[in-house]
PDB file of N, CA and C in Angstrom:
ATOM      1  N   HIS A   1      96.637 117.705 107.478  1.00  0.00           N
ATOM      2  CA  HIS A   1      95.846 117.514 106.366  1.00  0.00           C
ATOM      3  C   HIS A   1      94.451 117.137 106.598  1.00  0.00           C
ATOM      4  N   ALA A   2      94.773 115.613 106.966  1.00  0.00           N
ATOM      5  CA  ALA A   2      93.449 115.068 107.273  1.00  0.00           C
ATOM      6  C   ALA A   2      93.040 114.959 108.450  1.00  0.00           C
ATOM      7  N   GLY A   3      93.793 115.471 109.632  1.00  0.00           N
ATOM      8  CA  GLY A   3      93.360 115.476 110.926  1.00  0.00           C
ATOM      9  C   GLY A   3      93.148 114.044 111.429  1.00  0.00           C
ATOM     10  N   LYS A   4      92.161 113.939 111.915  1.00  0.00           N
ATOM     11  CA  LYS A   4      91.826 112.407 112.741  1.00  0.00           C
ATOM     12  C   LYS A   4      90.306 112.320 112.056  1.00  0.00           C
ATOM     13  N   PRO A   5      90.426 111.900 110.667  1.00  0.00           N
ATOM     14  CA  PRO A   5      89.066 111.511 110.178  1.00  0.00           C
ATOM     15  C   PRO A   5      88.930 110.373 110.579  1.00  0.00           C
ATOM     16  N   THR A   6      87.438 110.190 110.082  1.00  0.00           N
ATOM     17  CA  THR A   6      86.475 108.868 110.494  1.00  0.00           C
ATOM     18  C   THR A   6      85.894 108.595 108.923  1.00  0.00           C
ATOM     19  N   GLY A   7      85.714 107.232 108.994  1.00  0.00           N
ATOM     20  CA  GLY A   7      85.089 107.037 107.476  1.00  0.00           C
ATOM     21  C   GLY A   7      83.690 106.166 108.062  1.00  0.00           C
ATOM     22  N   ALA A   8      82.885 105.961 106.978  1.00  0.00           N
ATOM     23  CA  ALA A   8      81.524 105.386 107.108  1.00  0.00           C
ATOM     24  C   ALA A   8      82.197 103.937 107.657  1.00  0.00           C
ATOM     25  N   PRO A   9      81.230 103.285 108.541  1.00  0.00           N
ATOM     26  CA  PRO A   9      81.873 102.025 109.377  1.00  0.00           C
ATOM     27  C   PRO A   9      81.396 100.791 108.175  1.00  0.00           C
ATOM     28  N   THR A  10      81.967 101.019 106.952  1.00  0.00           N
ATOM     29  CA  THR A  10      81.646  99.823 105.888  1.00  0.00           C
ATOM     30  C   THR A  10      82.882  98.645 105.708  1.00  0.00           C
ATOM     31  N   ALA A  11      84.008  98.992 106.000  1.00  0.00           N
ATOM     32  CA  ALA A  11      85.116  98.341 105.982  1.00  0.00           C
ATOM     33  C   ALA A  11      84.834  96.634 106.448  1.00  0.00           C
ATOM     34  N   SER A  12      84.794  95.987 105.453  1.00  0.00           N
ATOM     35  CA  SER A  12      84.645  94.644 106.082  1.00  0.00           C
ATOM     36  C   SER A  12      85.923  93.583 105.849  1.00  0.00           C
ATOM     37  N   PHE A  13      86.679  93.137 106.771  1.00  0.00           N
ATOM     38  CA  PHE A  13      87.736  92.540 106.427  1.00  0.00           C
ATOM     39  C   PHE A  13      87.617  91.125 107.168  1.00  0.00           C
ATOM     40  N   ARG A  14      88.193  89.794 106.739  1.00  0.00           N
ATOM     41  CA  ARG A  14      87.835  88.523 107.393  1.00  0.00           C
ATOM     42  C   ARG A  14      88.818  88.541 108.777  1.00  0.00           C
ATOM     43  N   ASP A  15      89.585  89.661 109.073  1.00  0.00           N
ATOM     44  CA  ASP A  15      90.684  89.660 110.051  1.00  0.00           C
ATOM     45  C   ASP A  15      90.439  91.069 110.725  1.00  0.00           C
ATOM     46  N   THR A  16      89.500  91.890 110.761  1.00  0.00           N
ATOM     47  CA  THR A  16      89.166  93.112 111.645  1.00  0.00           C
ATOM     48  C   THR A  16      88.417  92.965 112.502  1.00  0.00           C
ATOM     49  N   VAL A  17      88.115  93.652 113.617  1.00  0.00           N
ATOM     50  CA  VAL A  17      86.884  93.442 114.646  1.00  0.00           C
ATOM     51  C   VAL A  17      86.683  94.580 115.002  1.00  0.00           C
ATOM     52  N   PRO A  18      85.232  94.777 114.540  1.00  0.00           N
ATOM     53  CA  PRO A  18      84.526  96.043 114.885  1.00  0.00           C
ATOM     54  C   PRO A  18      84.665  96.519 116.182  1.00  0.00           C
ATOM     55  N   GLY A  19      84.960  97.861 116.407  1.00  0.00           N
ATOM     56  CA  GLY A  19      84.979  98.387 117.602  1.00  0.00           C
ATOM     57  C   GLY A  19      86.465  98.226 118.131  1.00  0.00           C
ATOM     58  N   GLU A  20      87.467  97.726 117.174  1.00  0.00           N
ATOM     59  CA  GLU A  20      88.770  97.716 117.763  1.00  0.00           C
ATOM     60  C   GLU A  20      89.521  99.074 117.500  1.00  0.00           C
ATOM     61  N   TRP A  21      90.449  99.636 118.078  1.00  0.00           N
ATOM     62  CA  TRP A  21      91.428 100.928 118.315  1.00  0.00           C
ATOM     63  C   TRP A  21      91.691 101.208 116.500  1.00  0.00           C
ATOM     64  N   TYR A  22      91.863 100.491 115.688  1.00  0.00           N
ATOM     65  CA  TYR A  22      92.039 100.747 114.357  1.00  0.00           C
ATOM     66  C   TYR A  22      90.987 101.040 113.272  1.00  0.00           C
ATOM     67  N   MET A  23      89.553 100.572 113.806  1.00  0.00           N
ATOM     68  CA  MET A  23      88.793 100.256 112.884  1.00  0.00           C
ATOM     69  C   MET A  23      88.260 102.039 112.320  1.00  0.00           C
ATOM     70  N   ASP A  24      88.457 103.235 112.781  1.00  0.00           N
ATOM     71  CA  ASP A  24      88.097 104.166 112.425  1.00  0.00           C
ATOM     72  C   ASP A  24      89.120 104.633 111.316  1.00  0.00           C
ATOM     73  N   ALA A  25      90.332 104.241 111.582  1.00  0.00           N
ATOM     74  CA  ALA A  25      91.160 104.481 110.463  1.00  0.00           C
ATOM     75  C   ALA A  25      91.254 103.716 109.139  1.00  0.00           C
ATOM     76  N   VAL A  26      90.764 102.380 109.506  1.00  0.00           N
ATOM     77  CA  VAL A  26      90.550 101.575 108.546  1.00  0.00           C
ATOM     78  C   VAL A  26      89.396 102.048 107.819  1.00  0.00           C
ATOM     79  N   ASN A  27      88.366 102.382 108.197  1.00  0.00           N
ATOM     80  CA  ASN A  27      87.068 102.711 107.517  1.00  0.00           C
ATOM     81  C   ASN A  27      87.603 103.901 106.643  1.00  0.00           C
ATOM     82  N   TRP A  28      88.137 104.873 107.348  1.00  0.00           N
ATOM     83  CA  TRP A  28      88.478 106.213 106.615  1.00  0.00           C
ATOM     84  C   TRP A  28      89.259 105.857 105.353  1.00  0.00           C
ATOM     85  N   ALA A  29      90.313 104.879 105.754  1.00  0.00           N
ATOM     86  CA  ALA A  29      91.446 104.901 104.347  1.00  0.00           C
ATOM     87  C   ALA A  29      90.580 104.017 103.599  1.00  0.00           C
ATOM     88  N   VAL A  30      89.876 103.027 103.817  1.00  0.00           N
ATOM     89  CA  VAL A  30      88.958 102.122 102.606  1.00  0.00           C
ATOM     90  C   VAL A  30      87.877 103.168 101.985  1.00  0.00           C
ATOM     91  N   SER A  31      87.074 104.020 102.686  1.00  0.00           N
ATOM     92  CA  SER A  31      86.104 104.852 101.916  1.00  0.00           C
ATOM     93  C   SER A  31      86.975 106.008 101.449  1.00  0.00           C
ATOM     94  N   SER A  32      88.237 106.531 101.768  1.00  0.00           N
ATOM     95  CA  SER A  32      88.882 107.408 100.806  1.00  0.00           C
ATOM     96  C   SER A  32      89.428 106.833  99.788  1.00  0.00           C
ATOM     97  N   GLY A  33      89.819 105.558  99.646  1.00  0.00           N
ATOM     98  CA  GLY A  33      90.523 105.019  98.593  1.00  0.00           C
ATOM     99  C   GLY A  33      92.174 104.783  98.786  1.00  0.00           C
ATOM    100  N   VAL A  34      92.478 105.363 100.043  1.00  0.00           N
ATOM    101  CA  VAL A  34      93.964 104.999 100.352  1.00  0.00           C
ATOM    102  C   VAL A  34      94.386 103.687 100.476  1.00  0.00           C
ATOM    103  N   VAL A  35      93.466 102.653 100.781  1.00  0.00           N
ATOM    104  CA  VAL A  35      93.854 101.383 100.926  1.00  0.00           C
ATOM    105  C   VAL A  35      92.557 100.696 100.637  1.00  0.00           C
ATOM    106  N   SER A  36      92.965  99.241 100.034  1.00  0.00           N
ATOM    107  CA  SER A  36      91.793  98.429  99.616  1.00  0.00           C
ATOM    108  C   SER A  36      91.819  97.014 100.370  1.00  0.00           C
ATOM    109  N   GLY A  37      92.793  96.781 101.016  1.00  0.00           N
ATOM    110  CA  GLY A  37      93.084  95.138 101.703  1.00  0.00           C
ATOM    111  C   GLY A  37      93.623  94.322 100.722  1.00  0.00           C
ATOM    112  N   TYR A  38      93.914  93.163 100.875  1.00  0.00           N
ATOM    113  CA  TYR A  38      94.502  92.236 100.139  1.00  0.00           C
ATOM    114  C   TYR A  38      93.501  91.516  99.228  1.00  0.00           C
ATOM    115  N   SER A  39      93.801  91.012  98.101  1.00  0.00           N
ATOM    116  CA  SER A  39      92.785  90.062  97.467  1.00  0.00           C
ATOM    117  C   SER A  39      92.195  89.143  97.966  1.00  0.00           C
ATOM    118  N   ASP A  40      92.566  88.586  99.177  1.00  0.00           N
ATOM    119  CA  ASP A  40      92.087  87.350 100.038  1.00  0.00           C
ATOM    120  C   ASP A  40      91.020  87.735 101.080  1.00  0.00           C
ATOM    121  N   GLY A  41      90.631  88.746 100.909  1.00  0.00           N
ATOM    122  CA  GLY A  41      89.590  89.479 102.072  1.00  0.00           C
ATOM    123  C   GLY A  41      90.341  89.929 103.256  1.00  0.00           C
ATOM    124  N   ARG A  42      91.357  89.955 103.319  1.00  0.00           N
ATOM    125  CA  ARG A  42      92.189  90.256 104.504  1.00  0.00           C
ATOM    126  C   ARG A  42      92.625  91.767 104.622  1.00  0.00           C
ATOM    127  N   PHE A  43      92.974  92.429 105.600  1.00  0.00           N
ATOM    128  CA  PHE A  43      93.513  93.607 105.821  1.00  0.00           C
ATOM    129  C   PHE A  43      94.829  93.826 106.466  1.00  0.00           C
ATOM    130  N   ALA A  44      94.792  92.775 107.537  1.00  0.00           N
ATOM    131  CA  ALA A  44      96.278  92.336 108.137  1.00  0.00           C
ATOM    132  C   ALA A  44      96.541  93.595 108.765  1.00  0.00           C
ATOM    133  N   PRO A  45      95.690  94.099 110.061  1.00  0.00           N
ATOM    134  CA  PRO A  45      96.073  95.191 110.642  1.00  0.00           C
ATOM    135  C   PRO A  45      97.169  95.175 111.568  1.00  0.00           C
ATOM    136  N   GLN A  46      97.614  93.823 111.786  1.00  0.00           N
ATOM    137  CA  GLN A  46      98.816  93.751 112.716  1.00  0.00           C
ATOM    138  C   GLN A  46     100.254  93.494 112.217  1.00  0.00           C
ATOM    139  N   ASP A  47     100.125  93.544 110.820  1.00  0.00           N
ATOM    140  CA  ASP A  47     101.105  93.272 110.041  1.00  0.00           C
ATOM    141  C   ASP A  47     102.046  94.467 109.834  1.00  0.00           C
ATOM    142  N   SER A  48     103.318  94.404 109.623  1.00  0.00           N
ATOM    143  CA  SER A  48     104.234  95.692 109.460  1.00  0.00           C
ATOM    144  C   SER A  48     103.908  96.086 107.706  1.00  0.00           C
ATOM    145  N   VAL A  49     104.166  97.301 107.511  1.00  0.00           N
ATOM    146  CA  VAL A  49     103.879  97.824 106.588  1.00  0.00           C
ATOM    147  C   VAL A  49     105.155  97.775 105.717  1.00  0.00           C
ATOM    148  N   THR A  50     105.313  97.631 104.238  1.00  0.00           N
ATOM    149  CA  THR A  50     106.435  97.567 103.736  1.00  0.00           C
ATOM    150  C   THR A  50     106.613  98.781 102.893  1.00  0.00           C
ATOM    151  N   ARG A  51     108.002  99.212 102.307  1.00  0.00           N
ATOM    152  CA  ARG A  51     107.989 100.354 101.803  1.00  0.00           C
ATOM    153  C   ARG A  51     107.166 100.849 100.370  1.00  0.00           C
ATOM    154  N   GLU A  52     106.963  99.855  99.994  1.00  0.00           N
ATOM    155  CA  GLU A  52     106.034  99.931  98.548  1.00  0.00           C
ATOM    156  C   GLU A  52     104.576 100.006  99.049  1.00  0.00           C
ATOM    157  N   GLN A  53     104.293  99.484 100.013  1.00  0.00           N
ATOM    158  CA  GLN A  53     102.634  99.594 100.531  1.00  0.00           C
ATOM    159  C   GLN A  53     102.660 100.971 100.902  1.00  0.00           C
ATOM    160  N   LEU A  54     103.661 101.648 101.822  1.00  0.00           N
ATOM    161  CA  LEU A  54     103.136 102.968 101.978  1.00  0.00           C
ATOM    162  C   LEU A  54     103.594 104.026 101.230  1.00  0.00           C
ATOM    163  N   ALA A  55     104.402 103.616 100.043  1.00  0.00           N
ATOM    164  CA  ALA A  55     104.474 104.670  99.149  1.00  0.00           C
ATOM    165  C   ALA A  55     103.145 104.680  98.336  1.00  0.00           C
ATOM    166  N   VAL A  56     102.549 103.264  98.174  1.00  0.00           N
ATOM    167  CA  VAL A  56     101.216 103.457  97.466  1.00  0.00           C
ATOM    168  C   VAL A  56      99.721 104.190  98.348  1.00  0.00           C
ATOM    169  N   MET A  57     100.025 104.178  99.386  1.00  0.00           N
ATOM    170  CA  MET A  57      99.156 104.816 100.323  1.00  0.00           C
ATOM    171  C   MET A  57      99.330 106.030 100.276  1.00  0.00           C
ATOM    172  N   LEU A  58     100.691 106.673 100.135  1.00  0.00           N
ATOM    173  CA  LEU A  58     100.792 108.154 100.108  1.00  0.00           C
ATOM    174  C   LEU A  58     100.487 108.799  98.620  1.00  0.00           C
ATOM    175  N   TRP A  59     100.648 107.776  97.629  1.00  0.00           N
ATOM    176  CA  TRP A  59     100.512 108.142  96.251  1.00  0.00           C
ATOM    177  C   TRP A  59      98.999 108.333  96.114  1.00  0.00           C
ATOM    178  N   ARG A  60      98.122 107.273  96.546  1.00  0.00           N
ATOM    179  CA  ARG A  60      96.776 107.513  96.380  1.00  0.00           C
ATOM    180  C   ARG A  60      96.302 108.750  97.270  1.00  0.00           C
ATOM    181  N   TYR A  61      96.779 108.856  98.716  1.00  0.00           N
ATOM    182  CA  TYR A  61      96.298 109.951  99.176  1.00  0.00           C
ATOM    183  C   TYR A  61      96.498 111.467  98.539  1.00  0.00           C
ATOM    184  N   ALA A  62      97.393 111.612  97.703  1.00  0.00           N
ATOM    185  CA  ALA A  62      97.935 112.648  96.812  1.00  0.00           C
ATOM    186  C   ALA A  62      96.971 112.778  95.644  1.00  0.00           C
ATOM    187  N   GLY A  63      96.279 111.854  95.542  1.00  0.00           N
ATOM    188  CA  GLY A  63      95.296 111.832  94.380  1.00  0.00           C
ATOM    189  C   GLY A  63      95.929 111.102  92.989  1.00  0.00           C
ATOM    190  N   ARG A  64      96.793 110.301  93.275  1.00  0.00           N
ATOM    191  CA  ARG A  64      97.255 109.207  92.198  1.00  0.00           C
ATOM    192  C   ARG A  64      98.079 110.319  91.216  1.00  0.00           C
ATOM    193  N   PRO A  65      98.853 111.029  91.439  1.00  0.00           N
ATOM    194  CA  PRO A  65      99.555 112.146  90.570  1.00  0.00           C
ATOM    195  C   PRO A  65     100.104 111.099  89.354  1.00  0.00           C
ATOM    196  N   ALA A  66     100.145 111.762  88.198  1.00  0.00           N
ATOM    197  CA  ALA A  66     100.902 110.971  87.181  1.00  0.00           C
ATOM    198  C   ALA A  66     102.531 111.176  87.424  1.00  0.00           C
ATOM    199  N   THR A  67     103.013 110.231  86.598  1.00  0.00           N
ATOM    200  CA  THR A  67     104.735 109.959  87.177  1.00  0.00           C
ATOM    201  C   THR A  67     105.066 109.943  85.599  1.00  0.00           C
ATOM    202  N   SER A  68     106.569 110.090  85.366  1.00  0.00           N
ATOM    203  CA  SER A  68     107.107 109.737  84.326  1.00  0.00           C
ATOM    204  C   SER A  68     108.475 109.162  84.311  1.00  0.00           C
ATOM    205  N   GLY A  69     108.932 108.531  83.764  1.00  0.00           N
ATOM    206  CA  GLY A  69     110.312 107.612  83.861  1.00  0.00           C
ATOM    207  C   GLY A  69     109.900 106.576  84.463  1.00  0.00           C
ATOM    208  N   SER A  70     111.085 105.685  84.975  1.00  0.00           N
ATOM    209  CA  SER A  70     110.761 104.687  85.603  1.00  0.00           C
ATOM    210  C   SER A  70     111.442 104.305  86.795  1.00  0.00           C
ATOM    211  N   LEU A  71     111.674 103.522  87.728  1.00  0.00           N
ATOM    212  CA  LEU A  71     112.486 103.102  88.804  1.00  0.00           C
ATOM    213  C   LEU A  71     113.952 102.751  88.362  1.00  0.00           C
ATOM    214  N   SER A  72     115.202 103.602  88.571  1.00  0.00           N
ATOM    215  CA  SER A  72     116.284 103.206  88.503  1.00  0.00           C
ATOM    216  C   SER A  72     117.144 102.865  89.412  1.00  0.00           C
ATOM    217  N   PHE A  73     116.455 101.732  90.044  1.00  0.00           N
ATOM    218  CA  PHE A  73     117.410 101.096  91.215  1.00  0.00           C
ATOM    219  C   PHE A  73     117.943  99.375  90.959  1.00  0.00           C
ATOM    220  N   ALA A  74     118.775  99.226  91.409  1.00  0.00           N
ATOM    221  CA  ALA A  74     119.435  97.903  91.274  1.00  0.00           C
ATOM    222  C   ALA A  74     118.260  96.769  91.513  1.00  0.00           C
ATOM    223  N   ASP A  75     117.436  97.077  92.277  1.00  0.00           N
ATOM    224  CA  ASP A  75     116.340  96.202  92.538  1.00  0.00           C
ATOM    225  C   ASP A  75     115.062  96.108  92.152  1.00  0.00           C
ATOM    226  N   ALA A  76     114.880  97.198  91.496  1.00  0.00           N
ATOM    227  CA  ALA A  76     113.632  97.855  90.690  1.00  0.00           C
ATOM    228  C   ALA A  76     112.706  96.857  90.006  1.00  0.00           C
ATOM    229  N   ASP A  77     113.466  95.448  89.768  1.00  0.00           N
ATOM    230  CA  ASP A  77     112.748  94.215  89.357  1.00  0.00           C
ATOM    231  C   ASP A  77     111.748  93.391  90.314  1.00  0.00           C
ATOM    232  N   GLN A  78     112.232  93.926  91.684  1.00  0.00           N
ATOM    233  CA  GLN A  78     111.596  93.494  92.818  1.00  0.00           C
ATOM    234  C   GLN A  78     110.416  93.779  93.279  1.00  0.00           C
ATOM    235  N   ALA A  79     109.909  95.323  92.572  1.00  0.00           N
ATOM    236  CA  ALA A  79     109.063  96.134  92.888  1.00  0.00           C
ATOM    237  C   ALA A  79     107.657  95.019  92.335  1.00  0.00           C
ATOM    238  N   SER A  80     106.542  95.333  93.307  1.00  0.00           N
ATOM    239  CA  SER A  80     105.360  94.687  92.712  1.00  0.00           C
ATOM    240  C   SER A  80     104.820  95.943  91.482  1.00  0.00           C
ATOM    241  N   ASP A  81     104.231  94.983  90.653  1.00  0.00           N
ATOM    242  CA  ASP A  81     103.494  95.758  89.563  1.00  0.00           C
ATOM    243  C   ASP A  81     102.546  96.629  89.987  1.00  0.00           C
ATOM    244  N   TRP A  82     101.812  96.146  91.077  1.00  0.00           N
ATOM    245  CA  TRP A  82     100.660  97.132  91.402  1.00  0.00           C
ATOM    246  C   TRP A  82     100.997  98.669  92.243  1.00  0.00           C
ATOM    247  N   ALA A  83     102.836  98.422  92.577  1.00  0.00           N
ATOM    248  CA  ALA A  83     103.325  99.653  93.107  1.00  0.00           C
ATOM    249  C   ALA A  83     104.039 100.436  92.467  1.00  0.00           C
ATOM    250  N   LEU A  84     104.406 100.011  90.958  1.00  0.00           N
ATOM    251  CA  LEU A  84     105.326 100.608  90.158  1.00  0.00           C
ATOM    252  C   LEU A  84     105.197 101.978  90.236  1.00  0.00           C
ATOM    253  N   GLU A  85     103.764 102.372  89.971  1.00  0.00           N
ATOM    254  CA  GLU A  85     103.677 103.735  89.218  1.00  0.00           C
ATOM    255  C   GLU A  85     103.967 104.789  90.453  1.00  0.00           C
ATOM    256  N   ALA A  86     103.255 104.057  91.982  1.00  0.00           N
ATOM    257  CA  ALA A  86     103.530 104.842  93.285  1.00  0.00           C
ATOM    258  C   ALA A  86     105.038 104.917  93.297  1.00  0.00           C
ATOM    259  N   LEU A  87     105.629 103.976  93.419  1.00  0.00           N
ATOM    260  CA  LEU A  87     106.957 103.987  93.651  1.00  0.00           C
ATOM    261  C   LEU A  87     107.757 104.960  93.070  1.00  0.00           C
ATOM    262  N   ALA A  88     107.730 105.114  91.297  1.00  0.00           N
ATOM    263  CA  ALA A  88     108.001 105.913  90.473  1.00  0.00           C
ATOM    264  C   ALA A  88     107.599 107.421  91.064  1.00  0.00           C
ATOM    265  N   TRP A  89     106.671 107.650  91.455  1.00  0.00           N
ATOM    266  CA  TRP A  89     106.331 108.907  91.852  1.00  0.00           C
ATOM    267  C   TRP A  89     106.978 109.313  93.080  1.00  0.00           C
ATOM    268  N   ALA A  90     106.930 108.422  94.131  1.00  0.00           N
ATOM    269  CA  ALA A  90     107.550 108.596  95.265  1.00  0.00           C
ATOM    270  C   ALA A  90     109.102 109.033  95.509  1.00  0.00           C
ATOM    271  N   THR A  91     109.768 108.264  94.761  1.00  0.00           N
ATOM    272  CA  THR A  91     111.158 108.791  94.445  1.00  0.00           C
ATOM    273  C   THR A  91     111.225 109.843  93.462  1.00  0.00           C
ATOM    274  N   GLN A  92     110.666 110.151  92.543  1.00  0.00           N
ATOM    275  CA  GLN A  92     110.782 111.326  91.713  1.00  0.00           C
ATOM    276  C   GLN A  92     110.299 112.613  92.613  1.00  0.00           C
ATOM    277  N   VAL A  93     109.610 112.770  93.535  1.00  0.00           N
ATOM    278  CA  VAL A  93     108.937 113.721  94.295  1.00  0.00           C
ATOM    279  C   VAL A  93     110.018 113.613  95.865  1.00  0.00           C
ATOM    280  N   GLY A  94     110.666 112.597  95.996  1.00  0.00           N
ATOM    281  CA  GLY A  94     111.809 112.797  97.081  1.00  0.00           C
ATOM    282  C   GLY A  94     110.863 112.052  98.382  1.00  0.00           C
ATOM    283  N   VAL A  95     109.688 111.649  98.245  1.00  0.00           N
ATOM    284  CA  VAL A  95     108.941 110.983  99.339  1.00  0.00           C
ATOM    285  C   VAL A  95     109.682 109.677  99.688  1.00  0.00           C
ATOM    286  N   LEU A  96     110.246 108.990  98.920  1.00  0.00           N
ATOM    287  CA  LEU A  96     110.981 107.654  99.240  1.00  0.00           C
ATOM    288  C   LEU A  96     112.310 108.005  98.606  1.00  0.00           C
ATOM    289  N   ASN A  97     113.523 107.287  99.456  1.00  0.00           N
ATOM    290  CA  ASN A  97     114.504 107.518  98.762  1.00  0.00           C
ATOM    291  C   ASN A  97     115.333 105.942  98.810  1.00  0.00           C
ATOM    292  N   GLY A  98     116.311 105.964  98.139  1.00  0.00           N
ATOM    293  CA  GLY A  98     116.794 104.611  97.940  1.00  0.00           C
ATOM    294  C   GLY A  98     117.650 104.251  98.969  1.00  0.00           C
ATOM    295  N   LYS A  99     118.345 103.028  99.419  1.00  0.00           N
ATOM    296  CA  LYS A  99     119.207 102.764 100.640  1.00  0.00           C
ATOM    297  C   LYS A  99     120.919 102.854 100.122  1.00  0.00           C
ATOM    298  N   SER A 100     121.361 102.447 100.863  1.00  0.00           N
ATOM    299  CA  SER A 100     123.039 102.110 100.344  1.00  0.00           C
ATOM    300  C   SER A 100     123.105 101.222  99.043  1.00  0.00           C
ATOM    301  N   GLY A 101     123.975 101.198  98.361  1.00  0.00           N
ATOM    302  CA  GLY A 101     123.985 100.180  97.214  1.00  0.00           C
ATOM    303  C   GLY A 101     123.048 100.336  96.070  1.00  0.00           C
ATOM    304  N   GLY A 102     122.670 101.507  95.791  1.00  0.00           N
ATOM    305  CA  GLY A 102     121.688 101.764  95.022  1.00  0.00           C
ATOM    306  C   GLY A 102     120.266 100.858  94.874  1.00  0.00           C
ATOM    307  N   ILE A 103     119.877 100.500  96.061  1.00  0.00           N
ATOM    308  CA  ILE A 103     118.602  99.611  96.097  1.00  0.00           C
ATOM    309  C   ILE A 103     117.527 100.274  96.380  1.00  0.00           C
ATOM    310  N   LEU A 104     116.392  99.955  96.301  1.00  0.00           N
ATOM    311  CA  LEU A 104     114.979 100.774  96.955  1.00  0.00           C
ATOM    312  C   LEU A 104     114.553  99.880  98.097  1.00  0.00           C
ATOM    313  N   ASP A 105     114.498  98.586  97.949  1.00  0.00           N
ATOM    314  CA  ASP A 105     114.094  97.359  98.914  1.00  0.00           C
ATOM    315  C   ASP A 105     112.645  97.742  99.075  1.00  0.00           C
ATOM    316  N   PRO A 106     111.802  97.682  98.119  1.00  0.00           N
ATOM    317  CA  PRO A 106     110.421  97.964  97.867  1.00  0.00           C
ATOM    318  C   PRO A 106     109.485  96.898  98.599  1.00  0.00           C
ATOM    319  N   GLY A 107     110.122  95.693  98.655  1.00  0.00           N
ATOM    320  CA  GLY A 107     109.269  94.799  99.623  1.00  0.00           C
ATOM    321  C   GLY A 107     110.030  94.635 100.890  1.00  0.00           C
ATOM    322  N   GLY A 108     110.728  95.438 101.417  1.00  0.00           N
ATOM    323  CA  GLY A 108     111.221  95.464 102.764  1.00  0.00           C
ATOM    324  C   GLY A 108     110.171  96.093 103.814  1.00  0.00           C
ATOM    325  N   THR A 109     110.403  95.748 105.159  1.00  0.00           N
ATOM    326  CA  THR A 109     109.547  96.366 106.282  1.00  0.00           C
ATOM    327  C   THR A 109     109.998  98.035 106.260  1.00  0.00           C
ATOM    328  N   ALA A 110     108.948  98.833 106.379  1.00  0.00           N
ATOM    329  CA  ALA A 110     109.342 100.233 106.558  1.00  0.00           C
ATOM    330  C   ALA A 110     109.713 100.550 108.051  1.00  0.00           C
ATOM    331  N   THR A 111     110.583 100.653 108.405  1.00  0.00           N
ATOM    332  CA  THR A 111     110.918 100.961 109.715  1.00  0.00           C
ATOM    333  C   THR A 111     110.258 102.230 110.353  1.00  0.00           C
ATOM    334  N   ARG A 112     110.308 102.387 111.521  1.00  0.00           N
ATOM    335  CA  ARG A 112     109.644 103.685 112.236  1.00  0.00           C
ATOM    336  C   ARG A 112     110.172 104.823 111.648  1.00  0.00           C
ATOM    337  N   ALA A 113     111.528 104.834 111.666  1.00  0.00           N
ATOM    338  CA  ALA A 113     112.397 105.861 111.037  1.00  0.00           C
ATOM    339  C   ALA A 113     112.053 106.302 109.650  1.00  0.00           C
ATOM    340  N   GLU A 114     112.055 105.074 108.864  1.00  0.00           N
ATOM    341  CA  GLU A 114     111.755 105.236 107.477  1.00  0.00           C
ATOM    342  C   GLU A 114     110.269 105.903 107.194  1.00  0.00           C
ATOM    343  N   THR A 115     109.374 105.344 108.073  1.00  0.00           N
ATOM    344  CA  THR A 115     107.961 105.601 107.807  1.00  0.00           C
ATOM    345  C   THR A 115     108.010 107.111 108.355  1.00  0.00           C
ATOM    346  N   ALA A 116     108.578 107.538 109.512  1.00  0.00           N
ATOM    347  CA  ALA A 116     108.531 109.049 109.973  1.00  0.00           C
ATOM    348  C   ALA A 116     109.155 109.719 108.612  1.00  0.00           C
ATOM    349  N   GLN A 117     109.989 109.523 108.059  1.00  0.00           N
ATOM    350  CA  GLN A 117     111.003 110.183 107.142  1.00  0.00           C
ATOM    351  C   GLN A 117     110.252 110.506 105.900  1.00  0.00           C
ATOM    352  N   MET A 118     109.330 109.249 105.268  1.00  0.00           N
ATOM    353  CA  MET A 118     108.538 109.252 104.141  1.00  0.00           C
ATOM    354  C   MET A 118     107.553 110.335 104.356  1.00  0.00           C
ATOM    355  N   LEU A 119     106.841 110.286 105.743  1.00  0.00           N
ATOM    356  CA  LEU A 119     105.564 111.077 106.008  1.00  0.00           C
ATOM    357  C   LEU A 119     105.938 112.450 106.053  1.00  0.00           C
ATOM    358  N   ARG A 120     107.200 112.655 106.585  1.00  0.00           N
ATOM    359  CA  ARG A 120     108.055 114.295 106.590  1.00  0.00           C
ATOM    360  C   ARG A 120     108.116 114.665 105.203  1.00  0.00           C
ATOM    361  N   ASN A 121     108.691 113.877 104.542  1.00  0.00           N
ATOM    362  CA  ASN A 121     108.996 114.374 103.209  1.00  0.00           C
ATOM    363  C   ASN A 121     107.733 114.512 102.432  1.00  0.00           C
ATOM    364  N   PHE A 122     106.724 113.535 102.663  1.00  0.00           N
ATOM    365  CA  PHE A 122     105.199 113.933 101.925  1.00  0.00           C
ATOM    366  C   PHE A 122     104.663 115.090 102.336  1.00  0.00           C
ATOM    367  N   MET A 123     104.887 115.557 103.887  1.00  0.00           N
ATOM    368  CA  MET A 123     104.072 116.609 104.143  1.00  0.00           C
ATOM    369  C   MET A 123     104.828 118.059 103.971  1.00  0.00           C
ATOM    370  N   SER A 124     106.104 117.912 103.483  1.00  0.00           N
ATOM    371  CA  SER A 124     106.725 119.123 103.171  1.00  0.00           C
ATOM    372  C   SER A 124     106.922 119.318 101.755  1.00  0.00           C
ATOM    373  N   GLN A 125     106.027 118.537 100.757  1.00  0.00           N
ATOM    374  CA  GLN A 125     106.046 118.668  99.283  1.00  0.00           C
ATOM    375  C   GLN A 125     105.083 120.065  98.987  1.00  0.00           C
ATOM    376  N   ASP A 126     105.412 120.508  98.271  1.00  0.00           N
ATOM    377  CA  ASP A 126     104.696 121.785  97.623  1.00  0.00           C
ATOM    378  C   ASP A 126     103.399 120.971  96.701  1.00  0.00           C
ATOM    379  N   ARG A 127     102.186 121.229  97.226  1.00  0.00           N
ATOM    380  CA  ARG A 127     101.232 120.689  96.705  1.00  0.00           C
ATOM    381  C   ARG A 127     100.085 121.716  96.140  1.00  0.00           C
TER     382      ARG A 127
END
């Protein structure tokens, strides 16, 4: 879909380094509205991504589609407020699935396998 996009080199975070291998992606993600960084001015390019963060990025990339209903997982109360609509969308359309025990694990690290599965699910959607 997006190929290998680049964005205007305007992303300025206190923990990113211009010219680093990730800056084209950071610039694109910021300029396209997919990410905004943390409220304290960090991007945290070396941090692991959480399941809810990845859901939010995919939801934003999809154009912030409207959702209906709510999260029906045992740990839904652990989801961040800023991620609720994206998590509801991601679970409703099958981008994100729960884990055993009826939990969503929204703040848990998205493993490589989970990330690959979420991307595969996202790419196979009828849009």
